[in-house]
Amino acid sequence: MNTIFQCPVCQASLNRAEQQYQCPNGHSFDIAREGYVNLLLANQKKSKDPGDSKAMIRSRKAFLAEGHYQPLAESIVAIIQQSEINNPIILDAGCGEGYYTDFIHQHVSNAEPYGIDIAKDAVRYASKHNQKIDYAVASVTALPIQDNSVDCVISIFAPRNAQELSRVLKNNSILITATPAPNHLLELRHMIYDDVRPYALMDRDTFAPQFTQIVTQQVTYQITLMNADAIANLLQMTPFYWHSPNEKQQALQRLSQLDLHIAFEVAVWRVTT
């Protein structure tokens, strides 16, 4: 079976045959029982278990399952639908545990989604949850994806390499990015930090000269977390958890309710020709 995956060793195309991906040069990669393939080479790792920790993955999975970021997922689906690409091949570059990948699979007709993340535990969960999506453990800085093979890349709160993203996208395809807008989680940040600064909006030069930004929009709304578990999950899925003093964390853990401002910047980019 043909896929958009390419061999991370020699960059030849990979084909799926039973329980392996194989390339013409004899390199093969076993498919795990959950359905994903590990295409992360040992020399691409910076630690024994790169990517988000198991605790962060568990917390994010529980938080997203409650629908708190569903408006963001809906806005991304709307952009893909408005692009009017038939049978789109979509790559979620930095897919985590697959929340947005799965949402796209459910709501974009005839989509062929792929997900890549460097955290093996996240990919294992994503693939186990939906084995109709092709998932791989890999780095977004060295995508094991064939040149000019993707109609749409989504990058949600993930590291990005403009050169790699432009390489895998077809002509007239799109890149969708989502980043925190200035006031995202403002109430939480005020509880953690003495000096709270707004998030900086994405600099267009980040993707120059490979991409041109064609549209940007703000997705903003309010949520209320109704119990201590939801508050703990939010804290533990963010970098705030690792940078906040114990006394601030304990104060948050004593809360039974928390009102929050949610704000994302969603941008659409085209490959510069």
C-alpha atoms as a PDB file:
ATOM      1  CA  MET A   1       0.000   0.000   0.000  1.00  0.00           C
ATOM      2  CA  ASN A   2       1.366   3.405  -0.994  1.00  0.00           C
ATOM      3  CA  THR A   3       1.802   6.121   1.643  1.00  0.00           C
ATOM      4  CA  ILE A   4       3.421   9.545   1.832  1.00  0.00           C
ATOM      5  CA  PHE A   5       6.018   8.246   4.293  1.00  0.00           C
ATOM      6  CA  GLN A   6       9.634   8.118   3.177  1.00  0.00           C
ATOM      7  CA  CYS A   7      12.543   6.159   4.567  1.00  0.00           C
ATOM      8  CA  PRO A   8      14.356   8.208   7.225  1.00  0.00           C
ATOM      9  CA  VAL A   9      17.629   6.485   6.286  1.00  0.00           C
ATOM     10  CA  CYS A  10      17.761   6.939   2.488  1.00  0.00           C
ATOM     11  CA  GLN A  11      14.676   9.100   1.739  1.00  0.00           C
ATOM     12  CA  ALA A  12      13.223   6.546  -0.683  1.00  0.00           C
ATOM     13  CA  SER A  13       9.447   6.067  -0.596  1.00  0.00           C
ATOM     14  CA  LEU A  14       8.013   3.625   1.936  1.00  0.00           C
ATOM     15  CA  ASN A  15       5.327   1.096   1.102  1.00  0.00           C
ATOM     16  CA  ARG A  16       3.227  -0.720   3.667  1.00  0.00           C
ATOM     17  CA  ALA A  17       3.366  -4.500   3.439  1.00  0.00           C
ATOM     18  CA  GLU A  18       1.519  -6.418   6.152  1.00  0.00           C
ATOM     19  CA  GLN A  19       3.165  -5.389   9.436  1.00  0.00           C
ATOM     20  CA  GLN A  20       6.078  -3.396   8.037  1.00  0.00           C
ATOM     21  CA  TYR A  21       6.937  -0.335   6.039  1.00  0.00           C
ATOM     22  CA  GLN A  22       9.634  -1.121   3.481  1.00  0.00           C
ATOM     23  CA  CYS A  23      11.708   0.922   1.048  1.00  0.00           C
ATOM     24  CA  PRO A  24      13.333  -0.289  -2.223  1.00  0.00           C
ATOM     25  CA  ASN A  25      16.784  -0.142  -0.618  1.00  0.00           C
ATOM     26  CA  GLY A  26      15.990  -2.817   1.954  1.00  0.00           C
ATOM     27  CA  HIS A  27      15.258  -0.686   5.012  1.00  0.00           C
ATOM     28  CA  SER A  28      12.214  -1.831   6.961  1.00  0.00           C
ATOM     29  CA  PHE A  29      10.268  -0.519   9.946  1.00  0.00           C
ATOM     30  CA  ASP A  30       7.875  -2.630  11.998  1.00  0.00           C
ATOM     31  CA  ILE A  31       4.328  -1.480  12.661  1.00  0.00           C
ATOM     32  CA  ALA A  32       3.464  -1.568  16.365  1.00  0.00           C
ATOM     33  CA  ARG A  33       0.386  -3.455  17.515  1.00  0.00           C
ATOM     34  CA  GLU A  34      -1.365  -0.090  18.070  1.00  0.00           C
ATOM     35  CA  GLY A  35      -0.842   0.670  14.359  1.00  0.00           C
ATOM     36  CA  TYR A  36       1.889   3.330  14.317  1.00  0.00           C
ATOM     37  CA  VAL A  37       5.432   3.114  12.933  1.00  0.00           C
ATOM     38  CA  ASN A  38       8.589   4.460  14.564  1.00  0.00           C
ATOM     39  CA  LEU A  39      10.616   6.426  11.976  1.00  0.00           C
ATOM     40  CA  LEU A  40      12.749   8.318  14.499  1.00  0.00           C
ATOM     41  CA  LEU A  41      16.401   7.412  14.072  1.00  0.00           C
ATOM     42  CA  ALA A  42      18.636   7.097  17.128  1.00  0.00           C
ATOM     43  CA  ASN A  43      20.790  10.030  16.019  1.00  0.00           C
ATOM     44  CA  GLN A  44      17.694  12.248  15.876  1.00  0.00           C
ATOM     45  CA  LYS A  45      16.986  11.826  19.582  1.00  0.00           C
ATOM     46  CA  LYS A  46      18.199  14.370  22.107  1.00  0.00           C
ATOM     47  CA  SER A  47      17.117  12.242  25.065  1.00  0.00           C
ATOM     48  CA  LYS A  48      16.018   8.687  25.841  1.00  0.00           C
ATOM     49  CA  ASP A  49      12.319   9.653  25.632  1.00  0.00           C
ATOM     50  CA  PRO A  50      12.065  12.880  23.630  1.00  0.00           C
ATOM     51  CA  GLY A  51       8.937  14.986  23.512  1.00  0.00           C
ATOM     52  CA  ASP A  52       6.240  15.517  26.108  1.00  0.00           C
ATOM     53  CA  SER A  53       6.259  13.438  29.276  1.00  0.00           C
ATOM     54  CA  LYS A  54       3.675  10.776  30.064  1.00  0.00           C
ATOM     55  CA  ALA A  55       2.149  13.023  32.742  1.00  0.00           C
ATOM     56  CA  MET A  56       1.781  15.918  30.300  1.00  0.00           C
ATOM     57  CA  ILE A  57       0.246  13.623  27.675  1.00  0.00           C
ATOM     58  CA  ARG A  58      -2.273  12.173  30.160  1.00  0.00           C
ATOM     59  CA  SER A  59      -3.298  15.627  31.364  1.00  0.00           C
ATOM     60  CA  ARG A  60      -3.685  17.054  27.865  1.00  0.00           C
ATOM     61  CA  LYS A  61      -5.665  14.015  26.728  1.00  0.00           C
ATOM     62  CA  ALA A  62      -8.107  14.412  29.627  1.00  0.00           C
ATOM     63  CA  PHE A  63      -8.400  18.198  29.179  1.00  0.00           C
ATOM     64  CA  LEU A  64      -9.013  18.070  25.424  1.00  0.00           C
ATOM     65  CA  ALA A  65     -11.510  15.210  25.780  1.00  0.00           C
ATOM     66  CA  GLU A  66     -13.771  17.617  27.678  1.00  0.00           C
ATOM     67  CA  GLY A  67     -14.009  19.838  24.587  1.00  0.00           C
ATOM     68  CA  HIS A  68     -12.316  22.925  25.991  1.00  0.00           C
ATOM     69  CA  TYR A  69     -10.381  23.558  22.757  1.00  0.00           C
ATOM     70  CA  GLN A  70     -13.020  22.280  20.333  1.00  0.00           C
ATOM     71  CA  PRO A  71     -13.632  25.786  18.870  1.00  0.00           C
ATOM     72  CA  LEU A  72     -10.013  25.770  17.708  1.00  0.00           C
ATOM     73  CA  ALA A  73     -10.473  22.360  16.066  1.00  0.00           C
ATOM     74  CA  GLU A  74     -13.649  23.620  14.388  1.00  0.00           C
ATOM     75  CA  SER A  75     -11.885  26.685  13.017  1.00  0.00           C
ATOM     76  CA  ILE A  76      -9.151  24.515  11.480  1.00  0.00           C
ATOM     77  CA  VAL A  77     -11.718  22.202   9.887  1.00  0.00           C
ATOM     78  CA  ALA A  78     -13.551  25.224   8.452  1.00  0.00           C
ATOM     79  CA  ILE A  79     -10.343  26.504   6.835  1.00  0.00           C
ATOM     80  CA  ILE A  80      -9.662  23.104   5.254  1.00  0.00           C
ATOM     81  CA  GLN A  81     -13.229  22.880   3.976  1.00  0.00           C
ATOM     82  CA  GLN A  82     -13.072  26.396   2.534  1.00  0.00           C
ATOM     83  CA  SER A  83      -9.883  25.499   0.647  1.00  0.00           C
ATOM     84  CA  GLU A  84     -12.046  23.150  -1.466  1.00  0.00           C
ATOM     85  CA  ILE A  85      -9.237  20.623  -1.897  1.00  0.00           C
ATOM     86  CA  ASN A  86     -10.737  17.302  -2.955  1.00  0.00           C
ATOM     87  CA  ASN A  87      -9.627  14.232  -0.983  1.00  0.00           C
ATOM     88  CA  PRO A  88      -6.989  16.221   0.895  1.00  0.00           C
ATOM     89  CA  ILE A  89      -3.849  14.579   2.232  1.00  0.00           C
ATOM     90  CA  ILE A  90      -3.342  16.291   5.598  1.00  0.00           C
ATOM     91  CA  LEU A  91      -0.279  16.136   7.825  1.00  0.00           C
ATOM     92  CA  ASP A  92      -0.535  17.031  11.508  1.00  0.00           C
ATOM     93  CA  ALA A  93       3.089  17.941  12.234  1.00  0.00           C
ATOM     94  CA  GLY A  94       3.403  17.649  16.004  1.00  0.00           C
ATOM     95  CA  CYS A  95       0.128  15.799  16.507  1.00  0.00           C
ATOM     96  CA  GLY A  96       0.560  14.863  20.169  1.00  0.00           C
ATOM     97  CA  GLU A  97      -2.101  12.367  21.185  1.00  0.00           C
ATOM     98  CA  GLY A  98      -4.069  13.032  17.999  1.00  0.00           C
ATOM     99  CA  TYR A  99      -6.966  15.203  19.180  1.00  0.00           C
ATOM    100  CA  TYR A 100      -6.917  17.547  16.174  1.00  0.00           C
ATOM    101  CA  THR A 101      -5.930  14.803  13.718  1.00  0.00           C
ATOM    102  CA  ASP A 102      -8.894  12.711  14.797  1.00  0.00           C
ATOM    103  CA  PHE A 103     -11.245  15.718  14.686  1.00  0.00           C
ATOM    104  CA  ILE A 104     -10.213  16.398  11.087  1.00  0.00           C
ATOM    105  CA  HIS A 105     -10.699  12.729  10.198  1.00  0.00           C
ATOM    106  CA  GLN A 106     -14.239  12.887  11.568  1.00  0.00           C
ATOM    107  CA  HIS A 107     -15.284  16.184   9.968  1.00  0.00           C
ATOM    108  CA  VAL A 108     -13.426  16.609   6.640  1.00  0.00           C
ATOM    109  CA  SER A 109     -14.952  14.452   3.904  1.00  0.00           C
ATOM    110  CA  ASN A 110     -12.568  12.012   2.223  1.00  0.00           C
ATOM    111  CA  ALA A 111      -9.561  13.383   4.091  1.00  0.00           C
ATOM    112  CA  GLU A 112      -6.442  11.236   4.349  1.00  0.00           C
ATOM    113  CA  PRO A 113      -4.802  12.424   7.571  1.00  0.00           C
ATOM    114  CA  TYR A 114      -1.328  11.565   8.846  1.00  0.00           C
ATOM    115  CA  GLY A 115       0.121  12.423  12.244  1.00  0.00           C
ATOM    116  CA  ILE A 116       3.725  12.792  13.362  1.00  0.00           C
ATOM    117  CA  ASP A 117       5.135  13.477  16.800  1.00  0.00           C
ATOM    118  CA  ILE A 118       8.439  12.861  18.514  1.00  0.00           C
ATOM    119  CA  ALA A 119       6.775  11.604  21.730  1.00  0.00           C
ATOM    120  CA  LYS A 120       6.242   7.870  21.336  1.00  0.00           C
ATOM    121  CA  ASP A 121       3.704   7.625  24.158  1.00  0.00           C
ATOM    122  CA  ALA A 122       1.567  10.309  22.524  1.00  0.00           C
ATOM    123  CA  VAL A 123       1.684   8.600  19.124  1.00  0.00           C
ATOM    124  CA  ARG A 124       0.915   5.230  20.708  1.00  0.00           C
ATOM    125  CA  TYR A 125      -2.253   6.640  22.264  1.00  0.00           C
ATOM    126  CA  ALA A 126      -3.269   8.468  19.072  1.00  0.00           C
ATOM    127  CA  SER A 127      -2.881   5.379  16.919  1.00  0.00           C
ATOM    128  CA  LYS A 128      -4.655   3.111  19.380  1.00  0.00           C
ATOM    129  CA  HIS A 129      -7.552   5.569  19.511  1.00  0.00           C
ATOM    130  CA  ASN A 130      -7.976   5.695  15.719  1.00  0.00           C
ATOM    131  CA  GLN A 131      -6.192   3.102  13.595  1.00  0.00           C
ATOM    132  CA  LYS A 132      -7.662   4.552  10.392  1.00  0.00           C
ATOM    133  CA  ILE A 133      -5.075   7.348  10.631  1.00  0.00           C
ATOM    134  CA  ASP A 134      -1.425   6.713   9.739  1.00  0.00           C
ATOM    135  CA  TYR A 135       0.785   7.801  12.635  1.00  0.00           C
ATOM    136  CA  ALA A 136       4.551   7.832  12.948  1.00  0.00           C
ATOM    137  CA  VAL A 137       7.055   8.679  15.654  1.00  0.00           C
ATOM    138  CA  ALA A 138       9.344  11.244  14.034  1.00  0.00           C
ATOM    139  CA  SER A 139      10.808  14.712  14.397  1.00  0.00           C
ATOM    140  CA  VAL A 140       9.154  17.708  12.758  1.00  0.00           C
ATOM    141  CA  THR A 141      12.641  18.995  11.941  1.00  0.00           C
ATOM    142  CA  ALA A 142      13.328  15.939   9.759  1.00  0.00           C
ATOM    143  CA  LEU A 143       9.943  14.879   8.405  1.00  0.00           C
ATOM    144  CA  PRO A 144       9.906  11.329   6.966  1.00  0.00           C
ATOM    145  CA  ILE A 145       7.464  12.570   4.326  1.00  0.00           C
ATOM    146  CA  GLN A 146       7.928  12.583   0.566  1.00  0.00           C
ATOM    147  CA  ASP A 147       8.507  15.816  -1.333  1.00  0.00           C
ATOM    148  CA  ASN A 148       5.398  17.588  -2.678  1.00  0.00           C
ATOM    149  CA  SER A 149       3.016  14.983  -1.251  1.00  0.00           C
ATOM    150  CA  VAL A 150       0.782  16.920   1.169  1.00  0.00           C
ATOM    151  CA  ASP A 151      -2.208  19.194   0.494  1.00  0.00           C
ATOM    152  CA  CYS A 152      -2.378  20.722   3.970  1.00  0.00           C
ATOM    153  CA  VAL A 153      -0.085  20.778   6.984  1.00  0.00           C
ATOM    154  CA  ILE A 154      -1.419  21.764  10.384  1.00  0.00           C
ATOM    155  CA  SER A 155       0.973  22.846  13.127  1.00  0.00           C
ATOM    156  CA  ILE A 156      -0.685  23.457  16.479  1.00  0.00           C
ATOM    157  CA  PHE A 157       1.544  24.679  19.322  1.00  0.00           C
ATOM    158  CA  ALA A 158       4.388  22.649  17.800  1.00  0.00           C
ATOM    159  CA  PRO A 159       7.974  23.389  16.751  1.00  0.00           C
ATOM    160  CA  ARG A 160       8.248  24.249  13.067  1.00  0.00           C
ATOM    161  CA  ASN A 161      10.881  24.021  10.374  1.00  0.00           C
ATOM    162  CA  ALA A 162       9.832  26.179   7.427  1.00  0.00           C
ATOM    163  CA  GLN A 163      12.171  24.479   4.988  1.00  0.00           C
ATOM    164  CA  GLU A 164      10.853  21.010   5.835  1.00  0.00           C
ATOM    165  CA  LEU A 165       7.231  22.122   5.728  1.00  0.00           C
ATOM    166  CA  SER A 166       7.628  23.760   2.333  1.00  0.00           C
ATOM    167  CA  ARG A 167       9.407  20.668   1.012  1.00  0.00           C
ATOM    168  CA  VAL A 168       6.528  18.287   1.746  1.00  0.00           C
ATOM    169  CA  LEU A 169       3.703  20.561   0.559  1.00  0.00           C
ATOM    170  CA  LYS A 170       2.332  20.467  -2.971  1.00  0.00           C
ATOM    171  CA  ASN A 171       1.983  23.573  -5.121  1.00  0.00           C
ATOM    172  CA  ASN A 172      -1.087  25.649  -4.142  1.00  0.00           C
ATOM    173  CA  SER A 173      -1.319  23.804  -0.837  1.00  0.00           C
ATOM    174  CA  ILE A 174      -1.688  25.418   2.592  1.00  0.00           C
ATOM    175  CA  LEU A 175      -0.084  25.471   6.016  1.00  0.00           C
ATOM    176  CA  ILE A 176      -2.309  26.195   9.024  1.00  0.00           C
ATOM    177  CA  THR A 177      -0.645  27.305  12.257  1.00  0.00           C
ATOM    178  CA  ALA A 178      -2.198  27.846  15.672  1.00  0.00           C
ATOM    179  CA  THR A 179      -0.414  29.733  18.435  1.00  0.00           C
ATOM    180  CA  PRO A 180      -1.487  31.433  21.676  1.00  0.00           C
ATOM    181  CA  ALA A 181      -2.859  34.949  21.217  1.00  0.00           C
ATOM    182  CA  PRO A 182      -1.672  37.620  23.686  1.00  0.00           C
ATOM    183  CA  ASN A 183      -4.326  37.051  26.387  1.00  0.00           C
ATOM    184  CA  HIS A 184      -4.520  33.252  26.223  1.00  0.00           C
ATOM    185  CA  LEU A 185      -4.986  31.745  29.720  1.00  0.00           C
ATOM    186  CA  LEU A 186      -4.419  35.190  31.208  1.00  0.00           C
ATOM    187  CA  GLU A 187      -6.133  34.386  34.515  1.00  0.00           C
ATOM    188  CA  LEU A 188      -4.025  31.278  35.029  1.00  0.00           C
ATOM    189  CA  ARG A 189      -0.818  33.131  34.259  1.00  0.00           C
ATOM    190  CA  HIS A 190      -1.712  35.866  36.748  1.00  0.00           C
ATOM    191  CA  MET A 191      -2.044  33.203  39.425  1.00  0.00           C
ATOM    192  CA  ILE A 192       1.381  31.754  38.613  1.00  0.00           C
ATOM    193  CA  TYR A 193       3.603  34.724  37.751  1.00  0.00           C
ATOM    194  CA  ASP A 194       4.167  38.074  39.427  1.00  0.00           C
ATOM    195  CA  ASP A 195       5.036  39.701  36.100  1.00  0.00           C
ATOM    196  CA  VAL A 196       2.639  38.611  33.345  1.00  0.00           C
ATOM    197  CA  ARG A 197       3.462  39.566  29.791  1.00  0.00           C
ATOM    198  CA  PRO A 198       1.191  38.991  26.789  1.00  0.00           C
ATOM    199  CA  TYR A 199       2.119  36.225  24.389  1.00  0.00           C
ATOM    200  CA  ALA A 200       3.874  37.621  21.342  1.00  0.00           C
ATOM    201  CA  LEU A 201       2.063  37.055  18.062  1.00  0.00           C
ATOM    202  CA  MET A 202       3.865  34.977  15.470  1.00  0.00           C
ATOM    203  CA  ASP A 203       6.379  36.925  13.418  1.00  0.00           C
ATOM    204  CA  ARG A 204       5.746  36.508   9.703  1.00  0.00           C
ATOM    205  CA  ASP A 205       9.503  36.417   9.149  1.00  0.00           C
ATOM    206  CA  THR A 206       9.507  33.057  10.959  1.00  0.00           C
ATOM    207  CA  PHE A 207       8.470  31.438   7.680  1.00  0.00           C
ATOM    208  CA  ALA A 208      10.184  33.766   5.220  1.00  0.00           C
ATOM    209  CA  PRO A 209      11.080  33.250   2.468  1.00  0.00           C
ATOM    210  CA  GLN A 210       9.369  29.836   2.151  1.00  0.00           C
ATOM    211  CA  PHE A 211       5.823  30.967   3.009  1.00  0.00           C
ATOM    212  CA  THR A 212       3.491  33.911   2.517  1.00  0.00           C
ATOM    213  CA  GLN A 213       0.754  34.543   5.075  1.00  0.00           C
ATOM    214  CA  ILE A 214      -2.618  34.890   3.359  1.00  0.00           C
ATOM    215  CA  VAL A 215      -5.022  35.242   6.280  1.00  0.00           C
ATOM    216  CA  THR A 216      -5.032  35.322  10.064  1.00  0.00           C
ATOM    217  CA  GLN A 217      -7.887  35.150  12.557  1.00  0.00           C
ATOM    218  CA  GLN A 218      -8.421  35.181  16.300  1.00  0.00           C
ATOM    219  CA  VAL A 219     -10.363  32.420  18.022  1.00  0.00           C
ATOM    220  CA  THR A 220     -11.432  33.760  21.421  1.00  0.00           C
ATOM    221  CA  TYR A 221     -13.962  32.616  24.002  1.00  0.00           C
ATOM    222  CA  GLN A 222     -14.433  31.985  27.723  1.00  0.00           C
ATOM    223  CA  ILE A 223     -14.466  28.681  29.575  1.00  0.00           C
ATOM    224  CA  THR A 224     -15.079  27.691  33.170  1.00  0.00           C
ATOM    225  CA  LEU A 225     -13.259  24.714  34.642  1.00  0.00           C
ATOM    226  CA  MET A 226     -15.699  23.227  37.124  1.00  0.00           C
ATOM    227  CA  ASN A 227     -13.487  21.030  39.278  1.00  0.00           C
ATOM    228  CA  ALA A 228      -9.984  20.644  40.662  1.00  0.00           C
ATOM    229  CA  ASP A 229      -9.113  17.797  38.292  1.00  0.00           C
ATOM    230  CA  ALA A 230      -9.745  19.944  35.203  1.00  0.00           C
ATOM    231  CA  ILE A 231      -7.640  22.759  36.667  1.00  0.00           C
ATOM    232  CA  ALA A 232      -4.820  20.319  37.473  1.00  0.00           C
ATOM    233  CA  ASN A 233      -4.946  18.851  33.968  1.00  0.00           C
ATOM    234  CA  LEU A 234      -4.651  22.292  32.396  1.00  0.00           C
ATOM    235  CA  LEU A 235      -1.702  23.227  34.580  1.00  0.00           C
ATOM    236  CA  GLN A 236       0.136  19.950  34.014  1.00  0.00           C
ATOM    237  CA  MET A 237      -0.276  19.999  30.221  1.00  0.00           C
ATOM    238  CA  THR A 238       1.431  23.396  29.939  1.00  0.00           C
ATOM    239  CA  PRO A 239       5.034  24.522  30.505  1.00  0.00           C
ATOM    240  CA  PHE A 240       3.698  26.594  33.404  1.00  0.00           C
ATOM    241  CA  TYR A 241       3.773  23.457  35.555  1.00  0.00           C
ATOM    242  CA  TRP A 242       7.556  23.209  35.320  1.00  0.00           C
ATOM    243  CA  HIS A 243       8.186  26.913  35.903  1.00  0.00           C
ATOM    244  CA  SER A 244       5.771  27.734  38.715  1.00  0.00           C
ATOM    245  CA  PRO A 245       6.651  27.718  42.434  1.00  0.00           C
ATOM    246  CA  ASN A 246       5.160  24.980  44.594  1.00  0.00           C
ATOM    247  CA  GLU A 247       3.108  27.443  46.617  1.00  0.00           C
ATOM    248  CA  LYS A 248       1.450  28.769  43.450  1.00  0.00           C
ATOM    249  CA  GLN A 249       0.652  25.234  42.323  1.00  0.00           C
ATOM    250  CA  GLN A 250      -0.825  24.409  45.723  1.00  0.00           C
ATOM    251  CA  ALA A 251      -3.016  27.519  45.593  1.00  0.00           C
ATOM    252  CA  LEU A 252      -4.348  26.396  42.216  1.00  0.00           C
ATOM    253  CA  GLN A 253      -5.000  22.898  43.520  1.00  0.00           C
ATOM    254  CA  ARG A 254      -7.250  24.326  46.226  1.00  0.00           C
ATOM    255  CA  LEU A 255      -9.563  25.912  43.642  1.00  0.00           C
ATOM    256  CA  SER A 256     -12.816  24.193  42.717  1.00  0.00           C
ATOM    257  CA  GLN A 257     -13.590  26.521  39.778  1.00  0.00           C
ATOM    258  CA  LEU A 258     -11.595  28.697  37.406  1.00  0.00           C
ATOM    259  CA  ASP A 259     -12.827  31.119  34.727  1.00  0.00           C
ATOM    260  CA  LEU A 260     -10.433  31.466  31.804  1.00  0.00           C
ATOM    261  CA  HIS A 261      -9.963  33.557  28.689  1.00  0.00           C
ATOM    262  CA  ILE A 262      -9.046  31.358  25.706  1.00  0.00           C
ATOM    263  CA  ALA A 263      -7.370  33.067  22.742  1.00  0.00           C
ATOM    264  CA  PHE A 264      -5.646  31.575  19.717  1.00  0.00           C
ATOM    265  CA  GLU A 265      -4.197  33.072  16.575  1.00  0.00           C
ATOM    266  CA  VAL A 266      -4.847  30.866  13.559  1.00  0.00           C
ATOM    267  CA  ALA A 267      -2.907  31.720  10.401  1.00  0.00           C
ATOM    268  CA  VAL A 268      -3.004  30.304   6.895  1.00  0.00           C
ATOM    269  CA  TRP A 269       0.121  30.293   4.728  1.00  0.00           C
ATOM    270  CA  ARG A 270       0.958  29.367   1.144  1.00  0.00           C
ATOM    271  CA  VAL A 271       4.273  28.153  -0.172  1.00  0.00           C
ATOM    272  CA  THR A 272       6.078  31.019  -1.864  1.00  0.00           C
ATOM    273  CA  THR A 273       6.611  30.205  -5.534  1.00  0.00           C
END
